[in-house]
Protein backbone atom coordinates (compact mmCIF):
# COMPACT_ATOMS: atom_id res chain seq x y z
CA UNK A 1 -18.41 -6.32 11.30
CA UNK A 2 -18.86 -3.12 13.53
CA UNK A 3 -17.24 -0.51 12.38
CA UNK A 4 -18.05 1.86 14.90
CA UNK A 5 -17.43 -0.68 17.83
CA UNK A 6 -13.86 -1.43 15.92
CA UNK A 7 -12.47 -2.64 12.73
CA UNK A 8 -9.06 -3.35 11.57
CA UNK A 9 -8.73 -2.81 7.96
CA UNK A 10 -5.59 -3.73 5.75
CA UNK A 11 -5.09 -1.67 2.46
CA UNK A 12 -2.64 -1.66 -0.16
CA UNK A 13 -1.68 1.54 -0.45
CA UNK A 14 -1.56 3.01 -4.12
CA UNK A 15 1.50 4.75 -5.39
CA UNK A 16 1.73 8.93 -5.00
CA UNK A 17 -1.17 8.86 -2.60
CA UNK A 18 -0.51 10.03 0.90
CA UNK A 19 -1.58 7.58 3.75
CA UNK A 20 -4.15 10.58 5.00
CA UNK A 21 -5.28 10.75 1.40
CA UNK A 22 -6.05 6.67 1.75
CA UNK A 23 -7.40 6.71 4.57
CA UNK A 24 -9.91 9.75 3.74
CA UNK A 25 -10.93 7.47 0.73
CA UNK A 26 -11.91 4.86 3.25
CA UNK A 27 -13.37 6.66 5.51
CA UNK A 28 -16.18 8.33 2.97
CA UNK A 29 -17.06 5.21 1.96
CA UNK A 30 -17.47 3.63 5.40
CA UNK A 31 -19.36 6.89 6.65
CA UNK A 32 -21.97 6.66 3.83
CA UNK A 33 -22.67 2.87 4.03
CA UNK A 34 -23.15 3.76 8.06
CA UNK A 35 -25.41 7.30 7.25
CA UNK A 36 -22.92 8.51 10.30
CA UNK A 37 -21.33 12.32 8.87
CA UNK A 38 -17.44 11.31 9.76
CA UNK A 39 -16.74 8.13 11.49
CA UNK A 40 -13.76 8.03 13.42
CA UNK A 41 -10.33 6.39 11.79
CA UNK A 42 -7.01 6.63 11.81
CA UNK A 43 -3.97 5.03 10.47
CA UNK A 44 -1.42 3.45 12.06
CA UNK A 45 2.02 3.60 10.30
CA UNK A 46 2.64 6.05 7.65
CA UNK A 47 3.40 5.61 3.65
CA UNK A 48 5.83 7.98 2.00
CA UNK A 49 3.25 8.90 -1.21
CA UNK A 50 5.62 7.80 -3.74
CA UNK A 51 5.49 4.20 -0.89
CA UNK A 52 3.17 1.53 -1.68
CA UNK A 53 2.17 -1.52 0.56
CA UNK A 54 0.72 -2.22 4.00
CA UNK A 55 -1.50 0.28 5.78
CA UNK A 56 -3.27 -0.16 8.26
CA UNK A 57 -6.70 1.73 9.30
CA UNK A 58 -8.44 1.31 12.35
CA UNK A 59 -12.28 2.81 12.90
CA UNK A 60 -14.15 3.31 16.01
CA UNK A 61 -12.82 2.00 19.43
CA UNK A 62 -10.13 -0.06 17.79
CA UNK A 63 -8.50 3.48 16.75
CA UNK A 64 -6.81 2.32 20.61
CA UNK A 65 -4.87 0.00 18.90
CA UNK A 66 -3.01 2.24 16.71
CA UNK A 67 0.09 2.95 19.42
CA UNK A 68 0.92 -0.81 19.63
CA UNK A 69 0.31 -1.44 16.29
CA UNK A 70 2.89 0.98 14.94
CA UNK A 71 5.28 -1.52 17.27
CA UNK A 72 4.85 -4.34 14.52
CA UNK A 73 7.93 -5.31 12.70
CA UNK A 74 7.86 -4.18 8.81
CA UNK A 75 9.28 -5.66 5.84
CA UNK A 76 10.30 -3.59 2.77
CA UNK A 77 11.05 -3.94 -0.64
CA UNK A 78 13.30 -1.00 -2.18
CA UNK A 79 15.17 -0.24 -5.49
CA UNK A 80 17.81 2.15 -5.27
CA UNK A 81 19.75 4.13 -7.44
CA UNK A 82 23.71 4.37 -7.08
CA UNK A 83 25.92 7.33 -8.07
CA UNK A 84 23.32 9.88 -7.47
CA UNK A 85 21.67 12.06 -4.71
CA UNK A 86 18.38 13.57 -3.98
CA UNK A 87 17.82 16.32 -1.21
CA UNK A 88 14.09 13.90 0.03
CA UNK A 89 16.53 10.63 -0.43
CA UNK A 90 13.81 9.34 -3.06
CA UNK A 91 12.82 10.66 -6.76
CA UNK A 92 10.27 13.25 -4.98
CA UNK A 93 13.04 15.88 -5.54
CA UNK A 94 15.64 15.74 -8.07
CA UNK A 95 19.53 14.73 -8.58
CA UNK A 96 21.52 17.47 -6.10
CA UNK A 97 24.70 15.28 -6.61
CA UNK A 98 26.51 12.60 -8.55
CA UNK A 99 29.33 10.33 -8.17
CA UNK A 100 31.35 7.41 -9.25
CA UNK A 101 30.00 4.19 -9.36
CA UNK A 102 33.19 2.04 -11.83
CA UNK A 103 34.48 0.66 -8.16
CA UNK A 104 30.83 -1.07 -7.73
CA UNK A 105 30.88 -4.75 -7.71
CA UNK A 106 28.29 -6.54 -6.12
CA UNK A 107 30.54 -8.03 -3.75
CA UNK A 108 31.45 -4.49 -2.79
CA UNK A 109 27.31 -4.11 -2.02
CA UNK A 110 27.15 -7.87 -0.29
CA UNK A 111 29.83 -6.40 2.19
CA UNK A 112 28.95 -2.71 3.26
CA UNK A 113 25.10 -4.39 3.68
CA UNK A 114 26.58 -6.48 6.87
CA UNK A 115 26.99 -3.05 8.89
CA UNK A 116 23.47 -2.33 8.82
CA UNK A 117 22.49 -5.38 10.71
CA UNK A 118 21.16 -5.08 14.25
CA UNK A 119 21.33 -1.96 16.08
CA UNK A 120 22.28 1.15 14.33
CA UNK A 121 21.74 5.07 14.02
CA UNK A 122 19.93 6.40 11.58
CA UNK A 123 18.78 9.95 11.43
CA UNK A 124 15.59 10.68 9.59
CA UNK A 125 15.06 12.61 6.36
CA UNK A 126 14.72 16.12 6.30
CA UNK A 127 11.73 15.39 4.01
CA UNK A 128 9.74 13.59 6.72
CA UNK A 129 6.66 13.68 9.73
CA UNK A 130 9.08 14.07 12.06
CA UNK A 131 8.62 16.60 14.55
CA UNK A 132 10.73 19.40 15.53
CA UNK A 133 9.58 21.34 17.94
CA UNK A 134 6.03 20.88 17.28
CA UNK A 135 6.18 21.14 13.40
CA UNK A 136 6.75 18.83 10.78
CA UNK A 137 9.89 18.39 9.36
CA UNK A 138 9.04 18.51 5.94
CA UNK A 139 7.05 21.70 5.87
CA UNK A 140 10.31 23.59 7.58
CA UNK A 141 12.16 22.19 4.86
CA UNK A 142 9.80 23.39 2.43
CA UNK A 143 9.90 26.71 3.37
CA UNK A 144 13.86 26.73 3.70
CA UNK A 145 14.24 26.81 7.55
CA UNK A 146 17.74 25.31 8.82
CA UNK A 147 17.05 22.29 10.26
CA UNK A 148 19.01 19.64 11.69
CA UNK A 149 17.86 15.78 12.90
CA UNK A 150 19.67 13.70 15.82
CA UNK A 151 20.33 10.18 14.84
CA UNK A 152 18.45 7.48 17.14
CA UNK A 153 18.37 3.84 17.02
CA UNK A 154 16.66 1.48 15.35
CA UNK A 155 16.72 -2.30 14.38
CA UNK A 156 17.24 -4.17 11.04
CA UNK A 157 16.81 -7.74 11.39
CA UNK A 158 17.91 -8.75 8.08
CA UNK A 159 18.78 -6.97 4.56
CA UNK A 160 19.56 -8.85 1.64
CA UNK A 161 20.93 -7.56 -1.62
CA UNK A 162 17.62 -9.06 -3.88
CA UNK A 163 19.34 -7.84 -7.65
CA UNK A 164 21.79 -5.63 -8.62
CA UNK A 165 22.59 -4.65 -12.53
CA UNK A 166 25.86 -3.20 -13.17
CA UNK A 167 24.54 -1.32 -16.13
CA UNK A 168 21.95 0.81 -14.69
CA UNK A 169 23.51 0.81 -11.30
CA UNK A 170 20.53 -0.16 -10.00
CA UNK A 171 20.31 -2.76 -6.89
CA UNK A 172 17.08 -4.08 -5.05
CA UNK A 173 16.66 -5.22 -1.41
CA UNK A 174 14.54 -6.93 1.61
CA UNK A 175 14.46 -5.39 4.49
CA UNK A 176 12.59 -6.43 7.76
CA UNK A 177 13.12 -3.52 10.32
CA UNK A 178 11.66 -2.16 13.84
CA UNK A 179 9.61 0.44 14.20
CA UNK A 180 11.06 4.24 13.21
CA UNK A 181 13.36 2.93 10.42
CA UNK A 182 13.29 5.08 7.16
CA UNK A 183 14.00 2.94 4.32
CA UNK A 184 14.65 6.05 2.38
CA UNK A 185 17.78 7.18 5.61
CA UNK A 186 19.00 3.65 4.81
CA UNK A 187 19.43 4.27 1.06
CA UNK A 188 21.47 6.97 1.78
CA UNK A 189 23.40 5.60 3.96
CA UNK A 190 23.83 2.21 1.68
CA UNK A 191 24.72 5.01 -0.47
CA UNK A 192 27.75 6.68 1.61
CA UNK A 193 28.78 3.55 2.87
CA UNK A 194 29.48 2.84 -1.52
CA UNK A 195 31.23 5.93 -1.90
CA UNK A 196 28.34 6.29 -4.69
CA UNK A 197 25.75 8.02 -3.13
CA UNK A 198 22.13 6.42 -3.38
CA UNK A 199 18.58 7.23 -3.58
CA UNK A 200 15.15 5.46 -3.92
CA UNK A 201 13.46 4.53 -6.98
CA UNK A 202 10.71 2.31 -5.67
CA UNK A 203 9.73 1.29 -1.96
CA UNK A 204 6.96 -1.42 -1.03
CA UNK A 205 5.90 -2.11 2.26
CA UNK A 206 5.26 -6.11 2.13
CA UNK A 207 4.37 -6.88 5.38
CA UNK A 208 3.78 -5.72 8.84
CA UNK A 209 3.78 -7.97 11.55
CA UNK A 210 1.81 -11.36 10.37
CA UNK A 211 0.05 -9.46 8.01
CA UNK A 212 1.66 -9.40 4.16
CA UNK A 213 0.66 -7.71 1.15
CA UNK A 214 -0.98 -10.74 -1.09
CA UNK A 215 -3.88 -10.22 2.53
CA UNK A 216 -4.75 -6.44 1.59
CA UNK A 217 -7.60 -4.76 -0.01
CA UNK A 218 -6.89 -2.48 -3.18
CA UNK A 219 -8.88 1.11 -2.65
CA UNK A 220 -10.37 0.18 -6.83
CA UNK A 221 -11.47 -3.16 -5.13
CA UNK A 222 -12.54 -1.67 -1.86
CA UNK A 223 -16.28 -0.43 -2.90
CA UNK A 224 -16.74 -3.97 -4.05
CA UNK A 225 -15.69 -5.84 -0.71
CA UNK A 226 -18.08 -3.30 1.24
CA UNK A 227 -20.99 -4.14 -0.45
CA UNK A 228 -20.77 -8.00 0.45
CA UNK A 229 -19.96 -6.96 4.33
CA UNK A 230 -22.68 -7.89 6.99
CA UNK A 231 -22.59 -4.36 8.63
CA UNK A 232 -23.83 -4.06 12.22
CA UNK A 233 -24.96 -0.76 13.33
CA UNK A 234 -25.18 0.61 16.99
CA UNK A 235 -27.46 2.97 17.59
CA UNK A 236 -25.36 5.36 20.21
CA UNK A 237 -21.83 5.99 19.91
């Protein structure tokens, strides 16, 4: 492998680690192995810290492919808690509102999900990396700024209910979608469609393009993987 010339690495990002943190972890070990101060690296498609799953890392000249890699379709599995909302649409923030759920049935959920197939309008989460006037939305939100994000068109190829527990009012879905889709926003919108509110309790990106989570390296096993690689080094960059 020639990491300076350019390689693509697929990582299963762990829970509560940022995408940048996972990138930094890998970059530090690659740079040390190569004997360089800082290997050029980048990631394609940010995952929230509370999400796990497929994260694409590019090194060297392969970082030029990041934009095209971000265009690949993706698949997620997600668990939603019905009957409540949070400001971030996930467990990063505490519940701010609760709603009745006695009317919710599996049939109602199946019917509601139909409206989220194909091209839909979606407002990104306020606590996200969306740029607003040159600033990240989540940074403005944490400062208490009154920010209004605009809806954008996203595409959902498939959405299916994989589990529903009427006692805990938790439901799980599988979603295949295009670039720019926020599953947190999808959870919010499903909750609104059900008249019950909803927020994410778990999220995993199980596929990017043709690469599945089963094909990914774990950070715990990265050092062992790196130690057995046959690495080429170029004398000049």
